[in-house]
PDB file of N, CA and C in Angstrom:
ATOM      1  N   MET A   1     114.845  31.107 143.851  1.00  0.00           N
ATOM      2  CA  MET A   1     116.109  30.020 143.651  1.00  0.00           C
ATOM      3  C   MET A   1     115.580  28.576 143.971  1.00  0.00           C
ATOM      4  N   GLU A   2     114.666  28.571 144.931  1.00  0.00           N
ATOM      5  CA  GLU A   2     114.263  27.083 145.170  1.00  0.00           C
ATOM      6  C   GLU A   2     113.733  26.304 144.092  1.00  0.00           C
ATOM      7  N   HIS A   3     112.846  27.133 143.105  1.00  0.00           N
ATOM      8  CA  HIS A   3     112.176  26.595 142.007  1.00  0.00           C
ATOM      9  C   HIS A   3     113.135  26.059 141.227  1.00  0.00           C
ATOM     10  N   SER A   4     114.200  26.840 140.887  1.00  0.00           N
ATOM     11  CA  SER A   4     115.208  26.263 139.818  1.00  0.00           C
ATOM     12  C   SER A   4     116.052  25.064 140.390  1.00  0.00           C
ATOM     13  N   HIS A   5     116.212  24.926 141.808  1.00  0.00           N
ATOM     14  CA  HIS A   5     116.725  23.866 142.450  1.00  0.00           C
ATOM     15  C   HIS A   5     115.946  22.685 142.138  1.00  0.00           C
ATOM     16  N   GLU A   6     114.665  22.788 142.321  1.00  0.00           N
ATOM     17  CA  GLU A   6     113.642  21.609 142.233  1.00  0.00           C
ATOM     18  C   GLU A   6     113.594  21.215 140.745  1.00  0.00           C
ATOM     19  N   MET A   7     113.781  22.187 139.783  1.00  0.00           N
ATOM     20  CA  MET A   7     113.828  21.712 138.583  1.00  0.00           C
ATOM     21  C   MET A   7     115.004  20.999 137.995  1.00  0.00           C
ATOM     22  N   VAL A   8     116.117  21.321 138.590  1.00  0.00           N
ATOM     23  CA  VAL A   8     117.343  20.540 138.191  1.00  0.00           C
ATOM     24  C   VAL A   8     117.371  19.225 138.988  1.00  0.00           C
ATOM     25  N   TYR A   9     117.171  19.164 140.223  1.00  0.00           N
ATOM     26  CA  TYR A   9     117.626  17.910 140.923  1.00  0.00           C
ATOM     27  C   TYR A   9     116.327  16.901 141.309  1.00  0.00           C
ATOM     28  N   ASN A  10     115.151  17.239 141.153  1.00  0.00           N
ATOM     29  CA  ASN A  10     114.092  16.492 141.319  1.00  0.00           C
ATOM     30  C   ASN A  10     113.938  15.634 140.127  1.00  0.00           C
ATOM     31  N   ASP A  11     113.467  14.189 140.484  1.00  0.00           N
ATOM     32  CA  ASP A  11     113.202  13.252 139.295  1.00  0.00           C
ATOM     33  C   ASP A  11     112.083  13.847 138.429  1.00  0.00           C
ATOM     34  N   HIS A  12     112.217  13.570 137.189  1.00  0.00           N
ATOM     35  CA  HIS A  12     111.317  13.864 136.184  1.00  0.00           C
ATOM     36  C   HIS A  12     110.596  12.822 135.591  1.00  0.00           C
ATOM     37  N   VAL A  13     109.401  12.965 134.804  1.00  0.00           N
ATOM     38  CA  VAL A  13     108.735  11.919 134.198  1.00  0.00           C
ATOM     39  C   VAL A  13     108.690  12.352 132.596  1.00  0.00           C
ATOM     40  N   ILE A  14     109.062  11.639 131.735  1.00  0.00           N
ATOM     41  CA  ILE A  14     108.965  12.149 130.362  1.00  0.00           C
ATOM     42  C   ILE A  14     108.153  11.093 129.655  1.00  0.00           C
ATOM     43  N   GLY A  15     107.637  11.392 128.435  1.00  0.00           N
ATOM     44  CA  GLY A  15     106.746  10.496 127.656  1.00  0.00           C
ATOM     45  C   GLY A  15     106.602  11.199 126.260  1.00  0.00           C
ATOM     46  N   GLY A  16     106.566  10.236 125.309  1.00  0.00           N
ATOM     47  CA  GLY A  16     106.244  10.740 124.018  1.00  0.00           C
ATOM     48  C   GLY A  16     105.648   9.644 123.261  1.00  0.00           C
ATOM     49  N   LEU A  17     105.314   9.905 121.940  1.00  0.00           N
ATOM     50  CA  LEU A  17     104.556   9.102 121.115  1.00  0.00           C
ATOM     51  C   LEU A  17     105.300   7.697 120.757  1.00  0.00           C
ATOM     52  N   ASP A  18     106.623   7.645 120.839  1.00  0.00           N
ATOM     53  CA  ASP A  18     107.391   6.541 120.332  1.00  0.00           C
ATOM     54  C   ASP A  18     108.740   6.680 120.913  1.00  0.00           C
ATOM     55  N   GLU A  19     109.585   5.594 120.619  1.00  0.00           N
ATOM     56  CA  GLU A  19     110.708   5.420 121.291  1.00  0.00           C
ATOM     57  C   GLU A  19     111.812   6.630 120.994  1.00  0.00           C
ATOM     58  N   LYS A  20     111.460   7.015 119.557  1.00  0.00           N
ATOM     59  CA  LYS A  20     112.413   8.147 119.054  1.00  0.00           C
ATOM     60  C   LYS A  20     112.175   9.514 119.912  1.00  0.00           C
ATOM     61  N   SER A  21     110.896   9.705 119.992  1.00  0.00           N
ATOM     62  CA  SER A  21     110.557  11.068 120.546  1.00  0.00           C
ATOM     63  C   SER A  21     110.903  10.979 122.221  1.00  0.00           C
ATOM     64  N   ASN A  22     110.716   9.740 122.722  1.00  0.00           N
ATOM     65  CA  ASN A  22     111.170   9.556 124.122  1.00  0.00           C
ATOM     66  C   ASN A  22     112.804   9.931 124.450  1.00  0.00           C
ATOM     67  N   GLN A  23     113.479   9.360 123.411  1.00  0.00           N
ATOM     68  CA  GLN A  23     114.990   9.573 123.314  1.00  0.00           C
ATOM     69  C   GLN A  23     115.261  10.982 123.212  1.00  0.00           C
ATOM     70  N   LEU A  24     114.526  12.023 122.389  1.00  0.00           N
ATOM     71  CA  LEU A  24     114.973  13.360 122.101  1.00  0.00           C
ATOM     72  C   LEU A  24     114.516  13.997 123.279  1.00  0.00           C
ATOM     73  N   LYS A  25     113.322  13.665 124.007  1.00  0.00           N
ATOM     74  CA  LYS A  25     113.042  14.354 125.296  1.00  0.00           C
ATOM     75  C   LYS A  25     114.182  13.914 126.639  1.00  0.00           C
ATOM     76  N   ALA A  26     114.412  12.656 126.397  1.00  0.00           N
ATOM     77  CA  ALA A  26     115.469  12.415 127.378  1.00  0.00           C
ATOM     78  C   ALA A  26     116.953  13.214 127.208  1.00  0.00           C
ATOM     79  N   ASP A  27     117.182  13.245 125.916  1.00  0.00           N
ATOM     80  CA  ASP A  27     118.400  14.008 125.710  1.00  0.00           C
ATOM     81  C   ASP A  27     118.348  15.437 126.166  1.00  0.00           C
ATOM     82  N   LEU A  28     117.178  16.079 125.757  1.00  0.00           N
ATOM     83  CA  LEU A  28     116.979  17.257 126.168  1.00  0.00           C
ATOM     84  C   LEU A  28     116.950  17.564 127.565  1.00  0.00           C
ATOM     85  N   ASN A  29     116.366  16.730 128.322  1.00  0.00           N
ATOM     86  CA  ASN A  29     116.298  16.896 129.830  1.00  0.00           C
ATOM     87  C   ASN A  29     117.422  16.682 130.514  1.00  0.00           C
ATOM     88  N   PHE A  30     118.435  15.729 129.955  1.00  0.00           N
ATOM     89  CA  PHE A  30     119.507  15.495 130.723  1.00  0.00           C
ATOM     90  C   PHE A  30     120.688  16.645 130.350  1.00  0.00           C
ATOM     91  N   SER A  31     120.153  17.557 129.565  1.00  0.00           N
ATOM     92  CA  SER A  31     121.198  18.656 129.468  1.00  0.00           C
ATOM     93  C   SER A  31     121.169  19.665 130.610  1.00  0.00           C
ATOM     94  N   PHE A  32     120.125  19.625 131.384  1.00  0.00           N
ATOM     95  CA  PHE A  32     119.986  20.614 132.510  1.00  0.00           C
ATOM     96  C   PHE A  32     119.477  19.769 133.689  1.00  0.00           C
ATOM     97  N   VAL A  33     118.909  18.567 133.805  1.00  0.00           N
ATOM     98  CA  VAL A  33     118.378  17.730 134.843  1.00  0.00           C
ATOM     99  C   VAL A  33     119.499  16.926 135.473  1.00  0.00           C
ATOM    100  N   LYS A  34     119.488  16.902 136.726  1.00  0.00           N
ATOM    101  CA  LYS A  34     120.539  16.075 137.488  1.00  0.00           C
ATOM    102  C   LYS A  34     119.734  14.942 138.123  1.00  0.00           C
ATOM    103  N   GLY A  35     118.588  15.072 138.299  1.00  0.00           N
ATOM    104  CA  GLY A  35     117.766  13.880 138.979  1.00  0.00           C
ATOM    105  C   GLY A  35     117.522  12.887 137.755  1.00  0.00           C
ATOM    106  N   ASN A  36     116.641  11.873 138.089  1.00  0.00           N
ATOM    107  CA  ASN A  36     116.455  10.641 137.336  1.00  0.00           C
ATOM    108  C   ASN A  36     115.079  10.895 136.505  1.00  0.00           C
ATOM    109  N   LEU A  37     115.228  10.344 135.290  1.00  0.00           N
ATOM    110  CA  LEU A  37     114.039  10.283 134.305  1.00  0.00           C
ATOM    111  C   LEU A  37     113.321   8.933 134.449  1.00  0.00           C
ATOM    112  N   LEU A  38     112.134   9.147 134.944  1.00  0.00           N
ATOM    113  CA  LEU A  38     111.268   7.872 135.217  1.00  0.00           C
ATOM    114  C   LEU A  38     110.406   7.515 134.204  1.00  0.00           C
ATOM    115  N   ASN A  39     110.115   6.102 133.925  1.00  0.00           N
ATOM    116  CA  ASN A  39     109.126   5.896 132.931  1.00  0.00           C
ATOM    117  C   ASN A  39     107.817   5.976 133.589  1.00  0.00           C
ATOM    118  N   SER A  40     106.802   5.587 132.702  1.00  0.00           N
ATOM    119  CA  SER A  40     105.462   5.872 133.147  1.00  0.00           C
ATOM    120  C   SER A  40     105.044   4.607 133.983  1.00  0.00           C
ATOM    121  N   THR A  41     105.551   3.428 133.946  1.00  0.00           N
ATOM    122  CA  THR A  41     105.255   2.233 134.885  1.00  0.00           C
ATOM    123  C   THR A  41     105.802   2.720 136.247  1.00  0.00           C
ATOM    124  N   THR A  42     106.744   3.173 136.490  1.00  0.00           N
ATOM    125  CA  THR A  42     107.202   3.725 137.670  1.00  0.00           C
ATOM    126  C   THR A  42     106.527   4.700 138.317  1.00  0.00           C
ATOM    127  N   VAL A  43     106.053   5.631 137.435  1.00  0.00           N
ATOM    128  CA  VAL A  43     105.274   6.915 137.840  1.00  0.00           C
ATOM    129  C   VAL A  43     103.985   6.404 138.337  1.00  0.00           C
ATOM    130  N   GLU A  44     103.506   5.398 137.906  1.00  0.00           N
ATOM    131  CA  GLU A  44     102.001   4.778 138.012  1.00  0.00           C
ATOM    132  C   GLU A  44     102.096   4.197 139.435  1.00  0.00           C
ATOM    133  N   MET A  45     103.163   3.425 139.636  1.00  0.00           N
ATOM    134  CA  MET A  45     103.257   2.775 140.869  1.00  0.00           C
ATOM    135  C   MET A  45     103.459   3.822 142.028  1.00  0.00           C
ATOM    136  N   ILE A  46     104.276   4.694 141.834  1.00  0.00           N
ATOM    137  CA  ILE A  46     104.491   5.801 142.853  1.00  0.00           C
ATOM    138  C   ILE A  46     103.018   6.377 143.148  1.00  0.00           C
ATOM    139  N   LYS A  47     102.282   6.709 141.927  1.00  0.00           N
ATOM    140  CA  LYS A  47     101.055   7.390 142.315  1.00  0.00           C
ATOM    141  C   LYS A  47     100.106   6.454 143.015  1.00  0.00           C
ATOM    142  N   LEU A  48     100.074   5.071 142.687  1.00  0.00           N
ATOM    143  CA  LEU A  48      99.277   4.355 143.430  1.00  0.00           C
ATOM    144  C   LEU A  48      99.580   4.051 144.838  1.00  0.00           C
ATOM    145  N   MET A  49     100.948   4.046 145.186  1.00  0.00           N
ATOM    146  CA  MET A  49     101.481   3.974 146.570  1.00  0.00           C
ATOM    147  C   MET A  49     101.133   5.164 147.377  1.00  0.00           C
ATOM    148  N   GLU A  50     101.182   6.339 146.678  1.00  0.00           N
ATOM    149  CA  GLU A  50     100.854   7.703 147.453  1.00  0.00           C
ATOM    150  C   GLU A  50      99.328   7.691 147.851  1.00  0.00           C
ATOM    151  N   ASN A  51      98.567   7.354 146.858  1.00  0.00           N
ATOM    152  CA  ASN A  51      97.091   7.422 147.039  1.00  0.00           C
ATOM    153  C   ASN A  51      96.787   6.385 147.927  1.00  0.00           C
ATOM    154  N   THR A  52      97.348   5.071 147.965  1.00  0.00           N
ATOM    155  CA  THR A  52      97.123   4.124 149.072  1.00  0.00           C
ATOM    156  C   THR A  52      97.367   4.725 150.559  1.00  0.00           C
ATOM    157  N   PHE A  53      98.529   5.360 150.569  1.00  0.00           N
ATOM    158  CA  PHE A  53      98.962   5.914 151.954  1.00  0.00           C
ATOM    159  C   PHE A  53      98.111   6.802 152.319  1.00  0.00           C
ATOM    160  N   CYS A  54      97.684   7.724 151.554  1.00  0.00           N
ATOM    161  CA  CYS A  54      96.719   8.806 151.734  1.00  0.00           C
ATOM    162  C   CYS A  54      95.257   8.284 152.283  1.00  0.00           C
ATOM    163  N   ASN A  55      94.794   7.362 151.705  1.00  0.00           N
ATOM    164  CA  ASN A  55      93.501   6.622 151.862  1.00  0.00           C
ATOM    165  C   ASN A  55      93.675   5.882 153.215  1.00  0.00           C
ATOM    166  N   VAL A  56      94.469   5.338 153.416  1.00  0.00           N
ATOM    167  CA  VAL A  56      94.754   4.519 154.787  1.00  0.00           C
ATOM    168  C   VAL A  56      94.892   5.523 155.845  1.00  0.00           C
ATOM    169  N   SER A  57      95.713   6.576 155.726  1.00  0.00           N
ATOM    170  CA  SER A  57      95.710   7.700 156.877  1.00  0.00           C
ATOM    171  C   SER A  57      94.344   8.366 157.114  1.00  0.00           C
ATOM    172  N   ILE A  58      93.770   8.678 156.004  1.00  0.00           N
ATOM    173  CA  ILE A  58      92.214   9.244 156.314  1.00  0.00           C
ATOM    174  C   ILE A  58      91.361   8.218 157.090  1.00  0.00           C
ATOM    175  N   ALA A  59      91.367   6.947 156.473  1.00  0.00           N
ATOM    176  CA  ALA A  59      90.621   5.957 157.115  1.00  0.00           C
ATOM    177  C   ALA A  59      90.946   5.702 158.534  1.00  0.00           C
ATOM    178  N   LEU A  60      92.220   5.785 158.882  1.00  0.00           N
ATOM    179  CA  LEU A  60      92.706   5.535 160.474  1.00  0.00           C
ATOM    180  C   LEU A  60      92.224   6.884 161.111  1.00  0.00           C
ATOM    181  N   GLU A  61      92.281   8.034 160.558  1.00  0.00           N
ATOM    182  CA  GLU A  61      91.742   9.298 161.258  1.00  0.00           C
ATOM    183  C   GLU A  61      90.307   9.031 161.413  1.00  0.00           C
ATOM    184  N   ASN A  62      89.614   8.623 160.680  1.00  0.00           N
ATOM    185  CA  ASN A  62      88.065   8.756 160.867  1.00  0.00           C
ATOM    186  C   ASN A  62      87.690   7.603 161.647  1.00  0.00           C
ATOM    187  N   LYS A  63      88.590   6.481 162.188  1.00  0.00           N
ATOM    188  CA  LYS A  63      88.183   5.555 163.156  1.00  0.00           C
ATOM    189  C   LYS A  63      88.059   5.978 164.302  1.00  0.00           C
TER     190      LYS A  63
END
């Protein structure tokens, strides 16, 4: 049950080869996803911030 809840309510990243394929994937996802669909720029920034947080945490623990 928990996995299906995450599939529906968590934010998702979509990507395609061009704008048409992006739109087709977005339309398909919005048929069952209640979360947001994030673009690749947003996802890269989230990844960068998560990695930075992790690295700073490790550095502080090692100090």
